[in-house]
Amino acid sequence: MEDPKEDWDWLAFLSKWHETEYDRRYTLENVVTTPITLLTGVFGLSYLLITQFDYKHSSLYYLLFFLIPLAVALGYAFRSAVFVYRSYAVVKKGVYKNIPDAALLRRHMDNLVAHYKEHDPASDGVQKFKEYFVELLADQITVNVVNNDDRTINIQKSKGPIMGALLGLLLTMPGFLTNQLRKPDPTYQVTILPNSANAMSETTSPLPPPPPMERQILDLPRPTQPLPQPLPKPSK
């Protein structure tokens, strides 16, 4: 029976499979952003609820009605975060494998052809390179398939805890809203400042009166010629 590795179609099949697994890797990296976004929202909303809850004026019943669902939500959120981390950063078979540089493969094929031409002329150097390339693709596909399958499993495992975290946050809302409605109005300390006019009179001395206006007598020049005498009255 002919070795399938010697068939060029087998090489084409492995090349296509290798490309598929590499595309699947980037698809999973895009999918994992959805649980990361949801977990960020869960932790952010949990922090807001914890900091805004009025613990001082809350009864024990409403406090437990708020804290128990919140603790459950955070527990589910942390469990989901572990799966998300494992799907994003942890790989069982090491880093993903990619096909070497084309120039490097070309040099390796030329070296194989020259080697077998010199030491074993009966062997085909090109066929030996095909066998080498088939083994290379098979090893890389094995690593990439295991990594992709492991990431897929962890992403699927993270979905359930995320739903539990969202449900837990939903159950905290009745207790939180009741606490906010029962919260007393905030009191403000008001400092009354004294009247500005009185404060000025108490802190400053009265202003002195303005100085009196001096009268100025204008020294008009006296006339040098005698004034005209009035005309005599006519006799009747």
Protein backbone atom coordinates (compact mmCIF):
# COMPACT_ATOMS: atom_id res chain seq x y z
CA MET A 1 0.00 0.00 0.00
CA GLU A 2 1.36 3.39 -0.94
CA ASP A 3 2.33 5.65 1.91
CA PRO A 4 -0.17 8.54 1.99
CA LYS A 5 2.61 10.90 2.97
CA GLU A 6 4.07 10.48 -0.48
CA ASP A 7 0.90 11.81 -2.08
CA TRP A 8 0.89 15.54 -2.75
CA ASP A 9 -2.87 15.69 -2.07
CA TRP A 10 -2.13 14.59 1.49
CA LEU A 11 0.19 17.56 1.81
CA ALA A 12 -2.51 19.87 0.46
CA PHE A 13 -5.01 18.42 2.95
CA LEU A 14 -2.69 19.05 5.90
CA SER A 15 -1.93 22.57 4.67
CA LYS A 16 -5.64 23.37 4.56
CA TRP A 17 -6.19 21.88 8.00
CA HIS A 18 -3.30 23.89 9.41
CA GLU A 19 -4.80 27.08 7.99
CA THR A 20 -8.22 26.21 9.43
CA GLU A 21 -6.85 25.72 12.93
CA TYR A 22 -4.95 28.98 12.75
CA ASP A 23 -8.10 30.84 11.71
CA ARG A 24 -9.95 29.10 14.52
CA ARG A 25 -7.39 30.45 16.97
CA TYR A 26 -8.14 34.08 16.09
CA THR A 27 -11.88 33.39 16.15
CA LEU A 28 -11.58 32.10 19.72
CA GLU A 29 -9.54 35.16 20.72
CA ASN A 30 -12.40 37.36 19.50
CA VAL A 31 -15.03 35.22 21.22
CA VAL A 32 -13.28 35.41 24.59
CA THR A 33 -13.70 39.20 24.65
CA THR A 34 -17.45 38.77 25.31
CA PRO A 35 -17.09 37.08 28.74
CA ILE A 36 -14.30 39.50 29.61
CA THR A 37 -16.64 42.42 28.95
CA LEU A 38 -19.45 40.86 30.98
CA LEU A 39 -17.14 40.12 33.91
CA THR A 40 -15.86 43.68 33.85
CA GLY A 41 -19.44 44.90 34.12
CA VAL A 42 -20.23 42.46 36.96
CA PHE A 43 -17.24 43.51 39.04
CA GLY A 44 -17.82 47.20 38.35
CA LEU A 45 -21.50 47.04 39.31
CA SER A 46 -20.66 45.01 42.43
CA TYR A 47 -18.20 47.66 43.53
CA LEU A 48 -20.81 50.37 43.00
CA LEU A 49 -23.44 48.50 45.03
CA ILE A 50 -21.02 47.80 47.89
CA THR A 51 -19.88 51.41 48.17
CA GLN A 52 -23.37 52.97 47.86
CA PHE A 53 -25.19 50.69 50.31
CA ASP A 54 -26.12 52.39 53.60
CA TYR A 55 -24.87 49.93 56.20
CA LYS A 56 -25.40 52.31 59.14
CA HIS A 57 -29.18 52.68 58.84
CA SER A 58 -29.96 49.23 57.39
CA SER A 59 -31.63 46.47 59.38
CA LEU A 60 -30.08 43.01 59.59
CA TYR A 61 -32.82 41.57 57.36
CA TYR A 62 -32.18 43.97 54.49
CA LEU A 63 -28.43 43.66 54.97
CA LEU A 64 -28.56 39.86 54.54
CA PHE A 65 -31.05 40.23 51.69
CA PHE A 66 -28.42 42.35 49.95
CA LEU A 67 -25.15 40.63 50.90
CA ILE A 68 -26.09 36.98 50.29
CA PRO A 69 -27.03 37.38 46.59
CA LEU A 70 -24.04 39.69 46.12
CA ALA A 71 -21.67 37.08 47.58
CA VAL A 72 -23.17 34.43 45.30
CA ALA A 73 -22.74 36.72 42.28
CA LEU A 74 -19.11 37.43 43.11
CA GLY A 75 -18.42 33.74 43.65
CA TYR A 76 -19.77 32.88 40.22
CA ALA A 77 -17.89 35.81 38.70
CA PHE A 78 -14.55 34.66 40.13
CA ARG A 79 -15.20 31.11 38.95
CA SER A 80 -15.94 32.36 35.45
CA ALA A 81 -12.83 34.55 35.53
CA VAL A 82 -10.69 31.46 36.18
CA PHE A 83 -12.05 29.75 33.08
CA VAL A 84 -11.63 32.89 31.01
CA TYR A 85 -8.02 33.22 32.16
CA ARG A 86 -7.32 29.59 31.30
CA SER A 87 -8.88 29.97 27.87
CA TYR A 88 -6.93 33.14 27.16
CA ALA A 89 -3.49 32.57 28.65
CA VAL A 90 -3.01 28.87 29.42
CA VAL A 91 -2.30 26.34 26.68
CA LYS A 92 -1.56 22.69 27.32
CA LYS A 93 0.71 21.97 24.37
CA GLY A 94 2.76 25.14 24.42
CA VAL A 95 2.54 28.10 22.09
CA TYR A 96 0.72 27.90 18.79
CA LYS A 97 2.77 26.58 15.91
CA ASN A 98 3.01 28.33 12.59
CA ILE A 99 4.60 27.38 9.28
CA PRO A 100 8.20 28.60 9.07
CA ASP A 101 9.26 31.40 6.81
CA ALA A 102 9.01 30.59 3.11
CA ALA A 103 12.64 31.54 2.48
CA LEU A 104 13.75 29.20 5.28
CA LEU A 105 11.74 26.33 3.79
CA ARG A 106 13.22 27.02 0.36
CA ARG A 107 16.78 26.91 1.71
CA HIS A 108 16.04 23.68 3.55
CA MET A 109 14.66 22.06 0.39
CA ASP A 110 17.73 23.16 -1.60
CA ASN A 111 20.00 21.73 1.08
CA LEU A 112 18.13 18.41 1.02
CA VAL A 113 18.29 18.21 -2.75
CA ALA A 114 22.04 18.93 -2.72
CA HIS A 115 22.64 16.46 0.11
CA TYR A 116 20.84 13.53 -1.51
CA LYS A 117 22.26 14.36 -4.92
CA GLU A 118 25.76 14.08 -3.48
CA HIS A 119 25.37 11.20 -1.00
CA ASP A 120 22.35 9.26 -2.27
CA PRO A 121 21.61 9.96 -5.92
CA ALA A 122 18.92 7.27 -5.95
CA SER A 123 16.78 9.32 -3.52
CA ASP A 124 14.71 12.27 -4.60
CA GLY A 125 15.55 15.34 -2.56
CA VAL A 126 12.26 17.04 -3.40
CA GLN A 127 10.29 14.00 -2.23
CA LYS A 128 12.29 13.95 1.01
CA PHE A 129 11.38 17.58 1.55
CA LYS A 130 7.69 16.77 1.02
CA GLU A 131 7.93 14.03 3.65
CA TYR A 132 9.62 16.45 6.04
CA PHE A 133 6.95 19.09 5.41
CA VAL A 134 4.13 16.60 5.98
CA GLU A 135 5.62 15.62 9.36
CA LEU A 136 6.07 19.29 10.26
CA LEU A 137 2.45 20.12 9.45
CA ALA A 138 1.16 17.07 11.33
CA ASP A 139 3.06 18.04 14.50
CA GLN A 140 1.94 21.67 14.33
CA ILE A 141 -1.69 20.72 13.67
CA THR A 142 -1.66 18.46 16.74
CA VAL A 143 -0.48 21.31 18.95
CA ASN A 144 -2.94 23.85 17.51
CA VAL A 145 -5.91 21.48 17.69
CA VAL A 146 -5.29 20.69 21.35
CA ASN A 147 -4.89 24.37 22.19
CA ASN A 148 -8.04 25.38 20.32
CA ASP A 149 -10.10 22.56 21.83
CA ASP A 150 -8.91 23.45 25.32
CA ARG A 151 -9.74 27.13 24.82
CA THR A 152 -13.17 26.23 23.45
CA ILE A 153 -13.94 24.05 26.48
CA ASN A 154 -12.90 26.78 28.93
CA ILE A 155 -14.95 29.42 27.13
CA GLN A 156 -17.99 27.15 27.27
CA LYS A 157 -17.38 26.53 30.99
CA SER A 158 -17.24 30.27 31.68
CA LYS A 159 -20.73 30.94 30.29
CA GLY A 160 -22.65 29.22 33.10
CA PRO A 161 -20.94 31.06 35.97
CA ILE A 162 -21.41 34.37 34.14
CA MET A 163 -25.16 33.76 33.97
CA GLY A 164 -25.14 32.90 37.68
CA ALA A 165 -23.28 36.13 38.46
CA LEU A 166 -25.76 38.21 36.47
CA LEU A 167 -28.69 36.49 38.20
CA GLY A 168 -27.09 37.10 41.60
CA LEU A 169 -26.72 40.81 40.85
CA LEU A 170 -30.37 40.93 39.79
CA LEU A 171 -31.41 39.44 43.14
CA THR A 172 -29.45 42.10 45.03
CA MET A 173 -31.51 44.89 43.52
CA PRO A 174 -34.62 44.61 45.78
CA GLY A 175 -32.53 44.84 48.93
CA PHE A 176 -30.37 47.62 47.52
CA LEU A 177 -33.28 49.71 46.25
CA THR A 178 -35.17 49.31 49.53
CA ASN A 179 -32.08 50.44 51.39
CA GLN A 180 -31.76 53.51 49.20
CA LEU A 181 -35.43 54.42 49.68
CA ARG A 182 -35.10 54.11 53.46
CA LYS A 183 -31.88 56.06 53.61
CA PRO A 184 -32.38 59.29 55.61
CA ASP A 185 -31.88 62.56 53.87
CA PRO A 186 -28.38 63.93 54.29
CA THR A 187 -27.95 66.70 56.86
CA TYR A 188 -25.96 69.78 56.09
CA GLN A 189 -24.19 72.04 58.60
CA VAL A 190 -24.91 75.66 57.78
CA THR A 191 -22.76 78.45 59.23
CA ILE A 192 -24.59 81.79 59.42
CA LEU A 193 -22.28 84.68 58.74
CA PRO A 194 -22.95 88.08 60.43
CA ASN A 195 -24.44 90.93 58.43
CA SER A 196 -21.83 92.55 56.29
CA ALA A 197 -22.71 96.10 57.44
CA ASN A 198 -22.63 95.11 61.12
CA ALA A 199 -19.47 93.15 60.62
CA MET A 200 -17.85 96.19 59.04
CA SER A 201 -18.95 98.46 61.87
CA GLU A 202 -17.61 96.03 64.45
CA THR A 203 -14.31 95.37 62.84
CA THR A 204 -13.48 98.78 61.35
CA SER A 205 -13.60 102.35 62.76
CA PRO A 206 -16.03 104.85 61.15
CA LEU A 207 -14.72 106.87 58.29
CA PRO A 208 -13.79 110.51 59.07
CA PRO A 209 -16.10 113.23 57.66
CA PRO A 210 -14.97 114.95 54.50
CA PRO A 211 -13.15 118.26 54.93
CA PRO A 212 -15.30 121.43 54.63
CA MET A 213 -15.29 123.24 51.33
CA GLU A 214 -13.31 126.50 51.43
CA ARG A 215 -15.01 129.65 50.21
CA GLN A 216 -13.12 131.53 47.62
CA ILE A 217 -13.78 135.28 47.19
CA LEU A 218 -13.23 136.46 43.69
CA ASP A 219 -11.27 139.77 43.59
CA LEU A 220 -12.88 141.49 40.63
CA PRO A 221 -11.04 144.48 39.13
CA ARG A 222 -12.55 147.84 39.99
CA PRO A 223 -13.64 150.15 37.17
CA THR A 224 -11.22 153.01 36.39
CA GLN A 225 -13.87 155.36 34.84
CA PRO A 226 -16.84 156.83 36.67
CA LEU A 227 -20.13 155.22 36.05
CA PRO A 228 -22.59 157.19 33.86
CA GLN A 229 -25.13 159.33 35.71
CA PRO A 230 -28.75 158.62 35.20
CA LEU A 231 -30.65 160.96 32.87
CA PRO A 232 -32.87 163.65 34.48
CA LYS A 233 -36.58 163.00 34.50
CA PRO A 234 -38.56 165.15 32.06
CA SER A 235 -40.71 167.93 33.60
CA LYS A 236 -44.45 167.72 33.37
